[in-house]
Every structure is written in C-alpha cells, then in structure tokens.
C-alpha cells in the first residue's frame, strides 16, 4: 500500500492483491461506492454497498477490528470518499487503486450478470 495526499489530506491506496488478501482474511470491510445499478450488474461478493451519492463520512461505523477500504469502478470516486473521510478526521482510511475495473483485469472472482437470463452468476478467478 502507498500513501496518497490530495489537497493536504492523506489516505492509503491499496493494490487489488492487497485488498483481496485482507478481504479473504476478514481483516477489512470492503465498501463499494458505485451506484446500486452498477453493483447489481456486477460486484465483489461480500462487498457492502454505500453509493457516493448517499455517502456521509460522519455516519461510518468505527474501524475497530476491521479496517475500511473503499472501491468504485476506476478508483476516482473511492479516492474522493477516502479524501472526504480524511477531511472528517477518520484515519486510517484506504481505497483500492484502479477500482473494480482493476479487480476484473487482475482476474479476480466476482458476481456478474448472466446476459441470457438476467440472473446473477459467479465469475471465477482466472
């Protein structure tokens, strides 16, 4: 992981592999800040949904026991959320570099949509 500073606010940027390892070990809560429609179409199983449009840093649960890591489609929205958390005094806070697009590019497993039926389907790791 690396530390990123935007407008004087610092937060962590984690790679896809770092997120996967920590998520599989139940060390983090992974929060998806994409829209409900994006999440319904495809998502990381077990990731929680908190769309950016509804986000309020002050309403987040404590990070005792599990760190919070945010992700979105490309890393832009989750970076904004991480910066908002840092501005609200929440530390440490992190987001996944490259977002869900990077997750898929790295061949990680996810839940997608069967285009023939519209039903959810598991897309295994490649």
N, C-alpha and C. Protein backbone atom coordinates (compact mmCIF):
# COMPACT_ATOMS: atom_id res chain seq x y z
N UNK A 1 0.84 -1.18 0.00
CA UNK A 1 0.00 0.00 0.00
C UNK A 1 0.88 1.24 0.00
N UNK A 2 0.33 2.28 -0.49
CA UNK A 2 1.07 3.54 -0.51
C UNK A 2 0.16 4.62 0.07
N UNK A 3 0.77 5.71 0.46
CA UNK A 3 0.02 6.85 0.99
C UNK A 3 -0.10 7.90 -0.10
N UNK A 4 -1.32 8.40 -0.26
CA UNK A 4 -1.61 9.42 -1.27
C UNK A 4 -2.03 10.69 -0.53
N UNK A 5 -1.62 11.85 -1.03
CA UNK A 5 -2.01 13.12 -0.44
C UNK A 5 -2.68 13.97 -1.51
N UNK A 6 -3.92 14.38 -1.23
CA UNK A 6 -4.70 15.21 -2.14
C UNK A 6 -5.19 16.41 -1.34
N UNK A 7 -4.86 17.60 -1.79
CA UNK A 7 -5.26 18.83 -1.10
C UNK A 7 -4.88 18.80 0.38
N UNK A 8 -3.71 18.25 0.68
CA UNK A 8 -3.22 18.20 2.05
C UNK A 8 -3.81 17.10 2.90
N UNK A 9 -4.67 16.25 2.33
CA UNK A 9 -5.30 15.16 3.07
C UNK A 9 -4.65 13.85 2.66
N UNK A 10 -4.27 13.04 3.65
CA UNK A 10 -3.58 11.78 3.36
C UNK A 10 -4.49 10.58 3.60
N UNK A 11 -4.40 9.61 2.69
CA UNK A 11 -5.10 8.35 2.82
C UNK A 11 -4.30 7.29 2.09
N UNK A 12 -4.64 6.03 2.34
CA UNK A 12 -3.90 4.92 1.75
C UNK A 12 -4.54 4.48 0.43
N UNK A 13 -3.69 4.03 -0.48
CA UNK A 13 -4.13 3.43 -1.73
C UNK A 13 -3.60 2.01 -1.74
N UNK A 14 -4.51 1.04 -1.78
CA UNK A 14 -4.15 -0.37 -1.76
C UNK A 14 -4.25 -0.97 -3.15
N UNK A 15 -3.40 -1.92 -3.45
CA UNK A 15 -3.48 -2.63 -4.72
C UNK A 15 -4.61 -3.67 -4.63
N UNK A 16 -5.01 -4.18 -5.78
CA UNK A 16 -6.03 -5.22 -5.84
C UNK A 16 -5.59 -6.44 -5.02
N UNK A 17 -4.34 -6.85 -5.16
CA UNK A 17 -3.85 -8.01 -4.42
C UNK A 17 -3.87 -7.78 -2.91
N UNK A 18 -3.52 -6.58 -2.46
CA UNK A 18 -3.56 -6.27 -1.03
C UNK A 18 -5.00 -6.33 -0.50
N UNK A 19 -5.93 -5.79 -1.29
CA UNK A 19 -7.33 -5.81 -0.89
C UNK A 19 -7.84 -7.25 -0.84
N UNK A 20 -7.56 -8.03 -1.87
CA UNK A 20 -8.03 -9.42 -1.91
C UNK A 20 -7.50 -10.21 -0.70
N UNK A 21 -6.23 -10.07 -0.41
CA UNK A 21 -5.62 -10.81 0.70
C UNK A 21 -6.27 -10.42 2.03
N UNK A 22 -6.43 -9.13 2.28
CA UNK A 22 -7.02 -8.66 3.54
C UNK A 22 -8.51 -9.00 3.62
N UNK A 23 -9.22 -8.93 2.49
CA UNK A 23 -10.64 -9.24 2.46
C UNK A 23 -10.87 -10.73 2.71
N UNK A 24 -10.07 -11.57 2.07
CA UNK A 24 -10.17 -13.01 2.27
C UNK A 24 -9.86 -13.41 3.71
N UNK A 25 -8.99 -12.65 4.38
CA UNK A 25 -8.63 -12.92 5.77
C UNK A 25 -9.59 -12.26 6.76
N UNK A 26 -10.65 -11.62 6.23
CA UNK A 26 -11.64 -10.91 7.06
C UNK A 26 -11.02 -9.81 7.91
N UNK A 27 -10.00 -9.16 7.38
CA UNK A 27 -9.33 -8.06 8.09
C UNK A 27 -9.90 -6.70 7.74
N UNK A 28 -10.66 -6.62 6.64
CA UNK A 28 -11.21 -5.34 6.20
C UNK A 28 -12.70 -5.48 5.88
N UNK A 29 -13.39 -4.35 5.92
CA UNK A 29 -14.73 -4.23 5.36
C UNK A 29 -14.54 -3.50 4.03
N UNK A 30 -14.98 -4.11 2.95
CA UNK A 30 -14.84 -3.52 1.62
C UNK A 30 -16.14 -2.84 1.26
N UNK A 31 -16.08 -1.55 1.00
CA UNK A 31 -17.28 -0.77 0.72
C UNK A 31 -17.22 -0.26 -0.72
N UNK A 32 -18.25 -0.63 -1.48
CA UNK A 32 -18.41 -0.26 -2.88
C UNK A 32 -19.20 1.04 -2.94
N UNK A 33 -18.63 2.08 -3.53
CA UNK A 33 -19.31 3.39 -3.59
C UNK A 33 -19.93 3.67 -4.95
N UNK A 34 -20.06 2.63 -5.77
CA UNK A 34 -20.71 2.80 -7.07
C UNK A 34 -22.23 2.90 -6.88
N UNK A 35 -22.96 3.06 -7.97
CA UNK A 35 -24.41 3.17 -7.91
C UNK A 35 -25.04 1.80 -7.66
N UNK A 36 -26.27 1.76 -7.16
CA UNK A 36 -26.94 0.47 -6.98
C UNK A 36 -27.03 -0.32 -8.29
N UNK A 37 -27.21 0.36 -9.41
CA UNK A 37 -27.29 -0.32 -10.70
C UNK A 37 -25.96 -0.97 -11.07
N UNK A 38 -24.86 -0.27 -10.84
CA UNK A 38 -23.54 -0.84 -11.12
C UNK A 38 -23.30 -2.07 -10.25
N UNK A 39 -23.65 -1.94 -8.97
CA UNK A 39 -23.46 -3.04 -8.02
C UNK A 39 -24.31 -4.25 -8.42
N UNK A 40 -25.57 -4.01 -8.79
CA UNK A 40 -26.46 -5.11 -9.17
C UNK A 40 -25.93 -5.84 -10.40
N UNK A 41 -25.33 -5.12 -11.33
CA UNK A 41 -24.83 -5.72 -12.56
C UNK A 41 -23.62 -6.60 -12.30
N UNK A 42 -22.69 -6.12 -11.47
CA UNK A 42 -21.50 -6.89 -11.12
C UNK A 42 -20.85 -6.29 -9.89
N UNK A 43 -20.37 -7.18 -9.00
CA UNK A 43 -19.75 -6.71 -7.76
C UNK A 43 -18.86 -7.79 -7.16
N UNK A 44 -18.09 -7.38 -6.18
CA UNK A 44 -17.25 -8.30 -5.43
C UNK A 44 -18.12 -8.91 -4.33
N UNK A 45 -18.26 -10.25 -4.30
CA UNK A 45 -19.10 -10.87 -3.28
C UNK A 45 -18.65 -10.50 -1.87
N UNK A 46 -19.60 -10.05 -1.06
CA UNK A 46 -19.29 -9.67 0.31
C UNK A 46 -19.01 -8.19 0.49
N UNK A 47 -18.79 -7.47 -0.61
CA UNK A 47 -18.57 -6.02 -0.51
C UNK A 47 -19.89 -5.35 -0.15
N UNK A 48 -19.84 -4.37 0.72
CA UNK A 48 -21.02 -3.62 1.11
C UNK A 48 -21.24 -2.48 0.14
N UNK A 49 -22.49 -2.10 -0.06
CA UNK A 49 -22.81 -1.00 -0.98
C UNK A 49 -23.14 0.26 -0.19
N UNK A 50 -22.43 1.34 -0.49
CA UNK A 50 -22.71 2.67 0.07
C UNK A 50 -22.42 3.66 -1.05
N UNK A 51 -23.42 3.93 -1.91
CA UNK A 51 -23.18 4.80 -3.07
C UNK A 51 -22.66 6.19 -2.68
N UNK A 52 -21.78 6.70 -3.50
CA UNK A 52 -21.19 8.02 -3.28
C UNK A 52 -22.27 9.07 -3.04
N UNK A 53 -23.38 8.99 -3.77
CA UNK A 53 -24.44 9.99 -3.64
C UNK A 53 -25.09 9.99 -2.26
N UNK A 54 -24.95 8.89 -1.49
CA UNK A 54 -25.52 8.80 -0.15
C UNK A 54 -24.45 8.86 0.94
N UNK A 55 -23.21 9.05 0.57
CA UNK A 55 -22.09 8.94 1.50
C UNK A 55 -22.02 10.10 2.48
N UNK A 56 -21.81 9.76 3.75
CA UNK A 56 -21.56 10.74 4.80
C UNK A 56 -20.49 10.15 5.71
N UNK A 57 -19.31 10.73 5.69
CA UNK A 57 -18.19 10.19 6.47
C UNK A 57 -18.53 10.08 7.95
N UNK A 58 -19.29 11.01 8.46
CA UNK A 58 -19.62 11.03 9.88
C UNK A 58 -20.49 9.84 10.30
N UNK A 59 -21.16 9.19 9.36
CA UNK A 59 -22.07 8.09 9.66
C UNK A 59 -21.41 6.71 9.56
N UNK A 60 -20.14 6.66 9.19
CA UNK A 60 -19.44 5.38 9.08
C UNK A 60 -19.27 4.72 10.44
N UNK A 61 -19.29 3.39 10.47
CA UNK A 61 -19.02 2.70 11.73
C UNK A 61 -17.54 2.84 12.10
N UNK A 62 -17.23 2.49 13.32
CA UNK A 62 -15.84 2.54 13.75
C UNK A 62 -15.03 1.49 13.00
N UNK A 63 -13.73 1.67 12.96
CA UNK A 63 -12.86 0.72 12.28
C UNK A 63 -12.21 -0.23 13.28
N UNK A 64 -12.75 -0.31 14.49
CA UNK A 64 -12.20 -1.24 15.48
C UNK A 64 -12.44 -2.67 15.01
N UNK A 65 -11.37 -3.42 14.92
CA UNK A 65 -11.48 -4.81 14.49
C UNK A 65 -11.32 -5.00 12.99
N UNK A 66 -11.89 -4.13 12.18
CA UNK A 66 -11.76 -4.24 10.72
C UNK A 66 -11.53 -2.86 10.13
N UNK A 67 -10.53 -2.77 9.28
CA UNK A 67 -10.28 -1.54 8.53
C UNK A 67 -11.33 -1.37 7.45
N UNK A 68 -11.59 -0.16 7.03
CA UNK A 68 -12.50 0.12 5.93
C UNK A 68 -11.67 0.45 4.69
N UNK A 69 -11.99 -0.22 3.59
CA UNK A 69 -11.37 0.06 2.30
C UNK A 69 -12.51 0.30 1.31
N UNK A 70 -12.44 1.41 0.58
CA UNK A 70 -13.46 1.76 -0.40
C UNK A 70 -13.02 1.37 -1.80
N UNK A 71 -14.00 1.10 -2.66
CA UNK A 71 -13.69 0.91 -4.08
C UNK A 71 -14.85 1.39 -4.92
N UNK A 72 -14.56 1.69 -6.18
CA UNK A 72 -15.58 2.11 -7.14
C UNK A 72 -15.25 1.44 -8.46
N UNK A 73 -15.62 2.05 -9.57
CA UNK A 73 -15.34 1.45 -10.87
C UNK A 73 -13.90 1.61 -11.32
N UNK A 74 -13.32 2.78 -11.06
CA UNK A 74 -11.98 3.08 -11.57
C UNK A 74 -11.01 3.59 -10.52
N UNK A 75 -11.50 3.92 -9.34
CA UNK A 75 -10.66 4.47 -8.29
C UNK A 75 -10.87 5.96 -8.08
N UNK A 76 -11.62 6.62 -8.96
CA UNK A 76 -11.84 8.06 -8.83
C UNK A 76 -12.81 8.37 -7.69
N UNK A 77 -13.99 7.75 -7.72
CA UNK A 77 -14.98 8.02 -6.67
C UNK A 77 -14.50 7.55 -5.30
N UNK A 78 -13.86 6.39 -5.25
CA UNK A 78 -13.36 5.91 -3.95
C UNK A 78 -12.26 6.81 -3.42
N UNK A 79 -11.47 7.41 -4.31
CA UNK A 79 -10.47 8.38 -3.88
C UNK A 79 -11.12 9.61 -3.27
N UNK A 80 -12.24 10.05 -3.85
CA UNK A 80 -12.98 11.19 -3.30
C UNK A 80 -13.54 10.85 -1.92
N UNK A 81 -14.06 9.63 -1.77
CA UNK A 81 -14.60 9.20 -0.48
C UNK A 81 -13.48 9.12 0.55
N UNK A 82 -12.34 8.56 0.17
CA UNK A 82 -11.21 8.47 1.10
C UNK A 82 -10.76 9.86 1.53
N UNK A 83 -10.72 10.80 0.59
CA UNK A 83 -10.34 12.18 0.93
C UNK A 83 -11.37 12.81 1.87
N UNK A 84 -12.66 12.54 1.63
CA UNK A 84 -13.72 13.08 2.50
C UNK A 84 -13.59 12.50 3.91
N UNK A 85 -13.25 11.23 4.01
CA UNK A 85 -13.03 10.62 5.33
C UNK A 85 -11.85 11.27 6.03
N UNK A 86 -10.77 11.47 5.29
CA UNK A 86 -9.58 12.11 5.87
C UNK A 86 -9.93 13.52 6.36
N UNK A 87 -10.74 14.24 5.57
CA UNK A 87 -11.15 15.59 5.95
C UNK A 87 -12.02 15.58 7.21
N UNK A 88 -12.77 14.48 7.42
CA UNK A 88 -13.62 14.35 8.60
C UNK A 88 -12.84 13.81 9.81
N UNK A 89 -11.54 13.60 9.63
CA UNK A 89 -10.71 13.14 10.73
C UNK A 89 -10.68 11.63 10.91
N UNK A 90 -11.20 10.89 9.94
CA UNK A 90 -11.19 9.43 10.01
C UNK A 90 -9.86 8.93 9.47
N UNK A 91 -9.14 8.22 10.31
CA UNK A 91 -7.82 7.75 9.92
C UNK A 91 -7.52 6.46 10.66
N UNK A 92 -6.90 5.49 10.07
CA UNK A 92 -6.52 5.48 8.66
C UNK A 92 -7.72 5.15 7.78
N UNK A 93 -7.64 5.53 6.53
CA UNK A 93 -8.68 5.22 5.57
C UNK A 93 -7.99 4.85 4.26
N UNK A 94 -8.63 3.97 3.49
CA UNK A 94 -7.98 3.48 2.28
C UNK A 94 -8.98 3.28 1.15
N UNK A 95 -8.46 3.24 -0.06
CA UNK A 95 -9.26 2.87 -1.22
C UNK A 95 -8.43 2.00 -2.15
N UNK A 96 -9.13 1.26 -3.02
CA UNK A 96 -8.47 0.32 -3.92
C UNK A 96 -8.09 1.00 -5.23
N UNK A 97 -6.82 0.95 -5.53
CA UNK A 97 -6.29 1.56 -6.76
C UNK A 97 -6.87 0.87 -7.99
N UNK A 98 -7.42 1.65 -8.92
CA UNK A 98 -7.95 1.11 -10.16
C UNK A 98 -9.36 0.59 -10.07
N UNK A 99 -9.91 0.49 -8.87
CA UNK A 99 -11.29 0.10 -8.66
C UNK A 99 -11.65 -1.28 -9.18
N UNK A 100 -12.95 -1.47 -9.41
CA UNK A 100 -13.47 -2.76 -9.85
C UNK A 100 -12.91 -3.14 -11.22
N UNK A 101 -12.63 -2.16 -12.05
CA UNK A 101 -12.01 -2.44 -13.36
C UNK A 101 -10.68 -3.15 -13.19
N UNK A 102 -9.87 -2.70 -12.24
CA UNK A 102 -8.58 -3.34 -11.97
C UNK A 102 -8.79 -4.73 -11.39
N UNK A 103 -9.81 -4.88 -10.54
CA UNK A 103 -10.14 -6.18 -9.95
C UNK A 103 -10.39 -7.19 -11.07
N UNK A 104 -11.20 -6.81 -12.04
CA UNK A 104 -11.51 -7.70 -13.17
C UNK A 104 -10.29 -7.93 -14.05
N UNK A 105 -9.52 -6.90 -14.30
CA UNK A 105 -8.31 -7.03 -15.12
C UNK A 105 -7.32 -8.00 -14.49
N UNK A 106 -7.26 -8.00 -13.16
CA UNK A 106 -6.36 -8.91 -12.44
C UNK A 106 -6.91 -10.34 -12.37
N UNK A 107 -8.10 -10.56 -12.92
CA UNK A 107 -8.67 -11.90 -12.96
C UNK A 107 -9.23 -12.40 -11.64
N UNK A 108 -9.68 -11.48 -10.80
CA UNK A 108 -10.25 -11.87 -9.50
C UNK A 108 -11.71 -12.29 -9.69
N UNK A 109 -12.20 -13.16 -8.80
CA UNK A 109 -13.58 -13.63 -8.86
C UNK A 109 -14.55 -12.49 -8.52
N UNK A 110 -15.74 -12.52 -9.14
CA UNK A 110 -16.77 -11.55 -8.84
C UNK A 110 -18.13 -12.12 -9.23
N UNK A 111 -19.18 -11.44 -8.82
CA UNK A 111 -20.53 -11.81 -9.21
C UNK A 111 -20.93 -10.91 -10.36
N UNK A 112 -21.31 -11.51 -11.48
CA UNK A 112 -21.75 -10.76 -12.65
C UNK A 112 -23.20 -11.06 -12.95
N UNK A 113 -23.62 -10.76 -14.17
CA UNK A 113 -24.99 -11.00 -14.60
C UNK A 113 -24.98 -11.89 -15.82
N UNK A 114 -25.80 -12.93 -15.80
CA UNK A 114 -25.98 -13.79 -16.96
C UNK A 114 -26.84 -13.01 -17.95
N UNK A 115 -26.28 -12.62 -19.07
CA UNK A 115 -26.97 -11.76 -20.02
C UNK A 115 -28.17 -12.46 -20.66
N UNK A 116 -28.19 -13.78 -20.69
CA UNK A 116 -29.30 -14.50 -21.28
C UNK A 116 -30.52 -14.52 -20.36
N UNK A 117 -30.28 -14.57 -19.06
CA UNK A 117 -31.39 -14.71 -18.12
C UNK A 117 -31.58 -13.51 -17.20
N UNK A 118 -30.54 -12.70 -17.06
CA UNK A 118 -30.57 -11.58 -16.12
C UNK A 118 -30.27 -11.99 -14.69
N UNK A 119 -29.99 -13.26 -14.49
CA UNK A 119 -29.70 -13.77 -13.14
C UNK A 119 -28.25 -13.54 -12.77
N UNK A 120 -27.97 -13.43 -11.47
CA UNK A 120 -26.57 -13.30 -11.03
C UNK A 120 -25.81 -14.58 -11.38
N UNK A 121 -24.52 -14.43 -11.68
CA UNK A 121 -23.68 -15.60 -11.93
C UNK A 121 -22.31 -15.35 -11.34
N UNK A 122 -21.69 -16.40 -10.87
CA UNK A 122 -20.34 -16.30 -10.33
C UNK A 122 -19.36 -16.33 -11.49
N UNK A 123 -18.47 -15.36 -11.50
CA UNK A 123 -17.38 -15.33 -12.48
C UNK A 123 -16.14 -15.72 -11.69
N UNK A 124 -15.63 -16.92 -11.93
CA UNK A 124 -14.49 -17.40 -11.13
C UNK A 124 -13.19 -16.65 -11.46
N UNK A 125 -12.26 -16.73 -10.53
CA UNK A 125 -10.94 -16.15 -10.77
C UNK A 125 -10.29 -16.87 -11.94
N UNK A 126 -9.52 -16.11 -12.70
CA UNK A 126 -8.87 -16.74 -13.85
C UNK A 126 -7.39 -16.92 -13.60
